[in-house]
C-alpha cells in the first residue's frame, strides 16, 4: 500500500505496486495503452476491463470479458466494503500524509481480522 496526496493519480503508482508475479485486475480507469504495454513487457496476466472507443458501443466480446473479470474483481473490492460499512470509514480527514497512510494500513489490518473472525473464534487456545 502506498499513500499519496489527492492530486496524484492512481496511474502514477501503478508500476511501483507491481512485483511481477500477479494478475492485474482493474477497472476501466486503467485501460490505457501504457498499461497494456507495461503488462505485455512484464508478461503479466492482463485482466484490465476494457473501455469502448469514444462514440462507439462496446462489442460483445469485450462485454463478456468485462463481465467475466468483474466476478473476480469483486473479491478484491470486499475489504473496501468492510472499511466503509463495518468500520465506518467513509470520509478522510487530512492529518498529514504519514498519519493518514498509517491509519489506512491499520484499518486494512482490522479489515483482514474482520474477514477471518469466525476462524479465530473456533481456534483452540494456545
N, C-alpha and C. Protein backbone atom coordinates (compact mmCIF):
# COMPACT_ATOMS: atom_id res chain seq x y z
N UNK A 1 0.85 -1.18 0.00
CA UNK A 1 0.00 0.00 0.00
C UNK A 1 0.89 1.23 0.00
N UNK A 2 0.53 2.19 -0.81
CA UNK A 2 1.27 3.45 -0.90
C UNK A 2 0.26 4.58 -0.70
N UNK A 3 0.53 5.48 0.22
CA UNK A 3 -0.32 6.63 0.44
C UNK A 3 0.21 7.82 -0.34
N UNK A 4 -0.67 8.47 -1.08
CA UNK A 4 -0.29 9.66 -1.85
C UNK A 4 -1.31 10.76 -1.60
N UNK A 5 -0.98 11.95 -2.03
CA UNK A 5 -1.92 13.06 -1.91
C UNK A 5 -3.02 12.89 -2.96
N UNK A 6 -4.07 13.66 -2.82
CA UNK A 6 -5.21 13.55 -3.73
C UNK A 6 -4.86 14.00 -5.15
N UNK A 7 -3.87 14.85 -5.29
CA UNK A 7 -3.53 15.33 -6.63
C UNK A 7 -2.75 14.30 -7.44
N UNK A 8 -2.23 13.25 -6.80
CA UNK A 8 -1.53 12.18 -7.52
C UNK A 8 -2.55 11.17 -8.03
N UNK A 9 -2.45 10.83 -9.30
CA UNK A 9 -3.39 9.86 -9.86
C UNK A 9 -2.96 8.44 -9.49
N UNK A 10 -3.88 7.52 -9.62
CA UNK A 10 -3.56 6.11 -9.37
C UNK A 10 -2.51 5.61 -10.36
N UNK A 11 -2.55 6.15 -11.56
CA UNK A 11 -1.61 5.72 -12.59
C UNK A 11 -0.16 6.04 -12.24
N UNK A 12 0.07 7.06 -11.40
CA UNK A 12 1.44 7.41 -11.03
C UNK A 12 2.08 6.32 -10.18
N UNK A 13 1.27 5.50 -9.51
CA UNK A 13 1.80 4.45 -8.63
C UNK A 13 1.60 3.05 -9.21
N UNK A 14 1.00 2.95 -10.37
CA UNK A 14 0.63 1.65 -10.93
C UNK A 14 1.82 0.71 -11.06
N UNK A 15 2.88 1.16 -11.70
CA UNK A 15 4.03 0.28 -11.93
C UNK A 15 4.80 -0.02 -10.65
N UNK A 16 4.78 0.91 -9.69
CA UNK A 16 5.50 0.70 -8.43
C UNK A 16 4.86 -0.40 -7.59
N UNK A 17 3.58 -0.63 -7.76
CA UNK A 17 2.87 -1.64 -6.97
C UNK A 17 2.99 -3.05 -7.53
N UNK A 18 3.48 -3.18 -8.75
CA UNK A 18 3.59 -4.50 -9.37
C UNK A 18 4.94 -5.12 -9.06
N UNK A 19 4.92 -6.40 -8.68
CA UNK A 19 6.18 -7.09 -8.41
C UNK A 19 6.48 -8.17 -9.44
N UNK A 20 5.56 -8.44 -10.37
CA UNK A 20 5.84 -9.34 -11.47
C UNK A 20 5.23 -10.72 -11.35
N UNK A 21 4.60 -11.03 -10.25
CA UNK A 21 4.02 -12.36 -10.08
C UNK A 21 2.53 -12.28 -9.77
N UNK A 22 1.84 -11.32 -10.36
CA UNK A 22 0.42 -11.17 -10.06
C UNK A 22 -0.39 -11.07 -11.34
N UNK A 23 -1.67 -11.24 -11.18
CA UNK A 23 -2.61 -10.97 -12.25
C UNK A 23 -3.15 -9.58 -11.99
N UNK A 24 -3.06 -8.73 -12.97
CA UNK A 24 -3.52 -7.36 -12.80
C UNK A 24 -4.99 -7.30 -13.19
N UNK A 25 -5.82 -7.04 -12.20
CA UNK A 25 -7.25 -6.94 -12.41
C UNK A 25 -7.67 -5.54 -11.99
N UNK A 26 -8.16 -4.76 -12.94
CA UNK A 26 -8.51 -3.38 -12.63
C UNK A 26 -9.74 -2.96 -13.42
N UNK A 27 -10.32 -1.84 -13.01
CA UNK A 27 -11.50 -1.35 -13.72
C UNK A 27 -11.10 -0.58 -14.98
N UNK A 28 -12.08 -0.03 -15.65
CA UNK A 28 -11.85 0.63 -16.93
C UNK A 28 -10.96 1.86 -16.83
N UNK A 29 -10.80 2.41 -15.63
CA UNK A 29 -9.97 3.57 -15.45
C UNK A 29 -8.50 3.31 -15.75
N UNK A 30 -8.11 2.03 -15.80
CA UNK A 30 -6.72 1.65 -16.06
C UNK A 30 -6.53 1.16 -17.49
N UNK A 31 -7.52 1.28 -18.34
CA UNK A 31 -7.40 0.82 -19.73
C UNK A 31 -6.71 1.88 -20.57
N UNK A 32 -5.40 1.93 -20.45
CA UNK A 32 -4.56 2.87 -21.19
C UNK A 32 -3.53 2.08 -21.98
N UNK A 33 -3.07 2.59 -23.11
CA UNK A 33 -2.03 1.90 -23.87
C UNK A 33 -0.74 1.70 -23.07
N UNK A 34 -0.39 2.64 -22.20
CA UNK A 34 0.83 2.49 -21.40
C UNK A 34 0.72 1.30 -20.44
N UNK A 35 -0.47 1.07 -19.90
CA UNK A 35 -0.68 -0.07 -19.01
C UNK A 35 -0.57 -1.37 -19.80
N UNK A 36 -1.20 -1.41 -20.97
CA UNK A 36 -1.12 -2.61 -21.81
C UNK A 36 0.32 -2.94 -22.19
N UNK A 37 1.07 -1.91 -22.59
CA UNK A 37 2.47 -2.13 -22.96
C UNK A 37 3.29 -2.65 -21.79
N UNK A 38 3.07 -2.05 -20.61
CA UNK A 38 3.83 -2.48 -19.43
C UNK A 38 3.51 -3.93 -19.08
N UNK A 39 2.24 -4.30 -19.12
CA UNK A 39 1.85 -5.67 -18.76
C UNK A 39 2.37 -6.68 -19.78
N UNK A 40 2.37 -6.32 -21.06
CA UNK A 40 2.91 -7.22 -22.07
C UNK A 40 4.41 -7.37 -21.93
N UNK A 41 5.10 -6.27 -21.60
CA UNK A 41 6.55 -6.31 -21.45
C UNK A 41 6.94 -7.17 -20.24
N UNK A 42 6.16 -7.09 -19.17
CA UNK A 42 6.44 -7.87 -17.97
C UNK A 42 5.86 -9.28 -18.04
N UNK A 43 5.12 -9.58 -19.10
CA UNK A 43 4.48 -10.87 -19.31
C UNK A 43 3.55 -11.23 -18.14
N UNK A 44 2.79 -10.25 -17.69
CA UNK A 44 1.83 -10.46 -16.62
C UNK A 44 0.45 -10.66 -17.22
N UNK A 45 -0.41 -11.34 -16.50
CA UNK A 45 -1.77 -11.59 -16.96
C UNK A 45 -2.55 -10.28 -16.89
N UNK A 46 -3.17 -9.90 -17.98
CA UNK A 46 -3.87 -8.62 -18.10
C UNK A 46 -5.37 -8.85 -17.96
N UNK A 47 -5.93 -8.49 -16.81
CA UNK A 47 -7.36 -8.57 -16.59
C UNK A 47 -7.93 -7.18 -16.33
N UNK A 48 -7.50 -6.22 -17.12
CA UNK A 48 -8.00 -4.86 -17.00
C UNK A 48 -9.25 -4.73 -17.87
N UNK A 49 -10.33 -4.24 -17.27
CA UNK A 49 -11.58 -4.08 -18.00
C UNK A 49 -11.38 -3.14 -19.18
N UNK A 50 -12.05 -3.39 -20.26
CA UNK A 50 -11.88 -2.64 -21.49
C UNK A 50 -12.93 -1.54 -21.62
N UNK A 51 -12.51 -0.42 -22.18
CA UNK A 51 -13.40 0.69 -22.48
C UNK A 51 -13.82 0.62 -23.94
N UNK A 52 -14.95 1.20 -24.23
CA UNK A 52 -15.38 1.33 -25.62
C UNK A 52 -14.64 2.51 -26.26
N UNK A 53 -14.49 2.45 -27.55
CA UNK A 53 -13.91 3.59 -28.27
C UNK A 53 -14.86 4.77 -28.15
N UNK A 54 -14.34 5.98 -28.14
CA UNK A 54 -15.21 7.15 -28.00
C UNK A 54 -16.30 7.19 -29.08
N UNK A 55 -17.55 7.34 -28.64
CA UNK A 55 -18.67 7.42 -29.56
C UNK A 55 -19.16 6.09 -30.09
N UNK A 56 -18.57 4.98 -29.63
CA UNK A 56 -18.99 3.66 -30.10
C UNK A 56 -19.39 2.79 -28.91
N UNK A 57 -20.23 1.80 -29.19
CA UNK A 57 -20.66 0.88 -28.16
C UNK A 57 -19.61 -0.22 -27.97
N UNK A 58 -19.61 -0.80 -26.80
CA UNK A 58 -18.69 -1.90 -26.50
C UNK A 58 -19.17 -3.15 -27.23
N UNK A 59 -18.26 -3.85 -27.91
CA UNK A 59 -18.67 -5.05 -28.65
C UNK A 59 -18.93 -6.21 -27.69
N UNK A 60 -19.55 -7.26 -28.18
CA UNK A 60 -19.99 -8.38 -27.34
C UNK A 60 -18.81 -9.10 -26.68
N UNK A 61 -17.69 -9.23 -27.37
CA UNK A 61 -16.53 -9.93 -26.80
C UNK A 61 -15.97 -9.16 -25.61
N UNK A 62 -15.87 -7.84 -25.74
CA UNK A 62 -15.36 -7.03 -24.62
C UNK A 62 -16.35 -7.00 -23.47
N UNK A 63 -17.65 -6.98 -23.78
CA UNK A 63 -18.66 -7.03 -22.72
C UNK A 63 -18.54 -8.33 -21.94
N UNK A 64 -18.37 -9.43 -22.64
CA UNK A 64 -18.22 -10.73 -21.99
C UNK A 64 -16.95 -10.79 -21.15
N UNK A 65 -15.87 -10.23 -21.66
CA UNK A 65 -14.60 -10.19 -20.92
C UNK A 65 -14.76 -9.36 -19.65
N UNK A 66 -15.37 -8.18 -19.78
CA UNK A 66 -15.57 -7.32 -18.61
C UNK A 66 -16.44 -8.01 -17.56
N UNK A 67 -17.46 -8.71 -18.00
CA UNK A 67 -18.35 -9.40 -17.06
C UNK A 67 -17.62 -10.54 -16.35
N UNK A 68 -16.78 -11.26 -17.09
CA UNK A 68 -16.05 -12.38 -16.51
C UNK A 68 -15.05 -11.91 -15.45
N UNK A 69 -14.32 -10.85 -15.74
CA UNK A 69 -13.34 -10.40 -14.74
C UNK A 69 -13.98 -9.64 -13.60
N UNK A 70 -15.19 -9.11 -13.79
CA UNK A 70 -15.89 -8.43 -12.71
C UNK A 70 -16.21 -9.41 -11.59
N UNK A 71 -16.50 -10.65 -11.94
CA UNK A 71 -16.78 -11.67 -10.92
C UNK A 71 -15.55 -11.95 -10.07
N UNK A 72 -14.38 -11.77 -10.63
CA UNK A 72 -13.14 -11.99 -9.90
C UNK A 72 -12.76 -10.74 -9.12
N UNK A 73 -12.96 -9.58 -9.73
CA UNK A 73 -12.58 -8.33 -9.08
C UNK A 73 -13.38 -8.05 -7.83
N UNK A 74 -14.59 -8.57 -7.75
CA UNK A 74 -15.44 -8.30 -6.60
C UNK A 74 -14.80 -8.81 -5.31
N UNK A 75 -13.99 -9.84 -5.40
CA UNK A 75 -13.30 -10.38 -4.23
C UNK A 75 -12.31 -9.35 -3.69
N UNK A 76 -11.62 -8.67 -4.57
CA UNK A 76 -10.64 -7.67 -4.14
C UNK A 76 -11.31 -6.40 -3.61
N UNK A 77 -12.55 -6.17 -3.98
CA UNK A 77 -13.26 -4.98 -3.52
C UNK A 77 -13.88 -5.18 -2.13
N UNK A 78 -13.96 -6.41 -1.66
CA UNK A 78 -14.61 -6.70 -0.38
C UNK A 78 -13.97 -5.97 0.81
N UNK A 79 -12.63 -5.90 0.92
CA UNK A 79 -12.05 -5.15 2.05
C UNK A 79 -12.47 -3.68 2.08
N UNK A 80 -12.70 -3.07 0.93
CA UNK A 80 -13.15 -1.68 0.90
C UNK A 80 -14.57 -1.56 1.42
N UNK A 81 -15.39 -2.57 1.16
CA UNK A 81 -16.75 -2.59 1.71
C UNK A 81 -16.70 -2.67 3.22
N UNK A 82 -15.81 -3.50 3.75
CA UNK A 82 -15.68 -3.62 5.20
C UNK A 82 -15.23 -2.30 5.81
N UNK A 83 -14.29 -1.62 5.16
CA UNK A 83 -13.83 -0.32 5.65
C UNK A 83 -14.98 0.66 5.73
N UNK A 84 -15.82 0.69 4.71
CA UNK A 84 -16.90 1.66 4.67
C UNK A 84 -18.07 1.28 5.57
N UNK A 85 -18.51 0.03 5.50
CA UNK A 85 -19.74 -0.36 6.19
C UNK A 85 -19.50 -0.79 7.64
N UNK A 86 -18.56 -1.68 7.87
CA UNK A 86 -18.35 -2.19 9.22
C UNK A 86 -17.52 -1.22 10.07
N UNK A 87 -16.51 -0.60 9.48
CA UNK A 87 -15.63 0.28 10.25
C UNK A 87 -16.02 1.75 10.12
N UNK A 88 -16.98 2.07 9.27
CA UNK A 88 -17.49 3.43 9.16
C UNK A 88 -16.52 4.44 8.57
N UNK A 89 -15.57 3.99 7.79
CA UNK A 89 -14.56 4.89 7.22
C UNK A 89 -15.01 5.36 5.85
N UNK A 90 -15.82 6.41 5.83
CA UNK A 90 -16.33 6.91 4.56
C UNK A 90 -15.73 8.25 4.16
N UNK A 91 -15.25 9.02 5.13
CA UNK A 91 -14.63 10.31 4.82
C UNK A 91 -13.25 10.35 5.45
N UNK A 92 -12.33 10.96 4.74
CA UNK A 92 -10.95 11.07 5.21
C UNK A 92 -10.72 12.48 5.72
N UNK A 93 -10.28 12.60 6.95
CA UNK A 93 -9.85 13.88 7.50
C UNK A 93 -8.34 13.95 7.35
N UNK A 94 -7.85 15.00 6.74
CA UNK A 94 -6.42 15.08 6.44
C UNK A 94 -5.64 15.51 7.68
N UNK A 95 -4.82 14.58 8.19
CA UNK A 95 -3.95 14.85 9.33
C UNK A 95 -2.49 14.83 8.92
N UNK A 96 -2.24 14.73 7.68
CA UNK A 96 -0.88 14.58 7.17
C UNK A 96 -0.77 13.24 6.47
N UNK A 97 0.09 13.19 5.48
CA UNK A 97 0.20 12.00 4.66
C UNK A 97 0.66 10.79 5.45
N UNK A 98 1.60 10.96 6.34
CA UNK A 98 2.12 9.83 7.13
C UNK A 98 1.05 9.28 8.06
N UNK A 99 0.34 10.15 8.75
CA UNK A 99 -0.71 9.69 9.67
C UNK A 99 -1.86 9.04 8.93
N UNK A 100 -2.29 9.63 7.81
CA UNK A 100 -3.39 9.05 7.05
C UNK A 100 -3.01 7.69 6.46
N UNK A 101 -1.77 7.55 5.97
CA UNK A 101 -1.32 6.27 5.44
C UNK A 101 -1.27 5.23 6.54
N UNK A 102 -0.77 5.62 7.70
CA UNK A 102 -0.74 4.70 8.85
C UNK A 102 -2.13 4.27 9.28
N UNK A 103 -3.06 5.21 9.26
CA UNK A 103 -4.44 4.88 9.62
C UNK A 103 -5.04 3.90 8.62
N UNK A 104 -4.80 4.11 7.34
CA UNK A 104 -5.33 3.20 6.33
C UNK A 104 -4.73 1.81 6.48
N UNK A 105 -3.44 1.72 6.76
CA UNK A 105 -2.82 0.41 6.96
C UNK A 105 -3.44 -0.30 8.15
N UNK A 106 -3.65 0.43 9.24
CA UNK A 106 -4.28 -0.15 10.43
C UNK A 106 -5.71 -0.61 10.12
N UNK A 107 -6.45 0.19 9.37
CA UNK A 107 -7.81 -0.18 9.02
C UNK A 107 -7.85 -1.43 8.13
N UNK A 108 -6.88 -1.58 7.25
CA UNK A 108 -6.85 -2.79 6.43
C UNK A 108 -6.45 -4.01 7.26
N UNK A 109 -5.62 -3.82 8.27
CA UNK A 109 -5.32 -4.93 9.19
C UNK A 109 -6.59 -5.34 9.92
N UNK A 110 -7.35 -4.36 10.40
CA UNK A 110 -8.62 -4.67 11.07
C UNK A 110 -9.61 -5.32 10.11
N UNK A 111 -9.59 -4.89 8.86
CA UNK A 111 -10.46 -5.50 7.85
C UNK A 111 -10.10 -6.97 7.64
N UNK A 112 -8.80 -7.26 7.60
CA UNK A 112 -8.37 -8.66 7.46
C UNK A 112 -8.81 -9.48 8.67
N UNK A 113 -8.68 -8.93 9.87
CA UNK A 113 -9.12 -9.64 11.06
C UNK A 113 -10.64 -9.86 11.04
N UNK A 114 -11.38 -8.87 10.56
CA UNK A 114 -12.83 -9.00 10.46
C UNK A 114 -13.21 -10.14 9.53
N UNK A 115 -12.46 -10.30 8.44
CA UNK A 115 -12.78 -11.34 7.47
C UNK A 115 -12.53 -12.74 8.02
N UNK A 116 -11.59 -12.89 8.94
CA UNK A 116 -11.28 -14.23 9.49
C UNK A 116 -11.79 -14.38 10.92
N UNK A 117 -12.73 -13.54 11.35
CA UNK A 117 -13.19 -13.55 12.73
C UNK A 117 -13.77 -14.89 13.15
N UNK A 118 -14.51 -15.53 12.28
CA UNK A 118 -15.12 -16.81 12.65
C UNK A 118 -14.06 -17.90 12.85
N UNK A 119 -13.06 -17.90 12.00
CA UNK A 119 -11.99 -18.88 12.14
C UNK A 119 -11.20 -18.64 13.41
N UNK A 120 -11.04 -17.38 13.80
CA UNK A 120 -10.32 -17.07 15.04
C UNK A 120 -11.11 -17.50 16.28
N UNK A 121 -12.44 -17.45 16.20
CA UNK A 121 -13.26 -17.82 17.34
C UNK A 121 -13.23 -19.34 17.62
N UNK A 122 -13.06 -20.15 16.59
CA UNK A 122 -13.10 -21.59 16.80
C UNK A 122 -11.73 -22.19 17.04
N UNK A 123 -10.67 -21.38 16.95
CA UNK A 123 -9.33 -21.90 17.20
C UNK A 123 -9.17 -22.20 18.69
N UNK A 124 -8.57 -23.36 19.02
CA UNK A 124 -8.33 -23.67 20.43
C UNK A 124 -7.25 -22.75 21.00
N UNK A 125 -7.35 -22.42 22.29
CA UNK A 125 -6.34 -21.55 22.89
C UNK A 125 -4.98 -22.23 22.89
N UNK A 126 -3.94 -21.43 22.78
CA UNK A 126 -2.58 -21.98 22.71
C UNK A 126 -2.04 -22.38 24.06
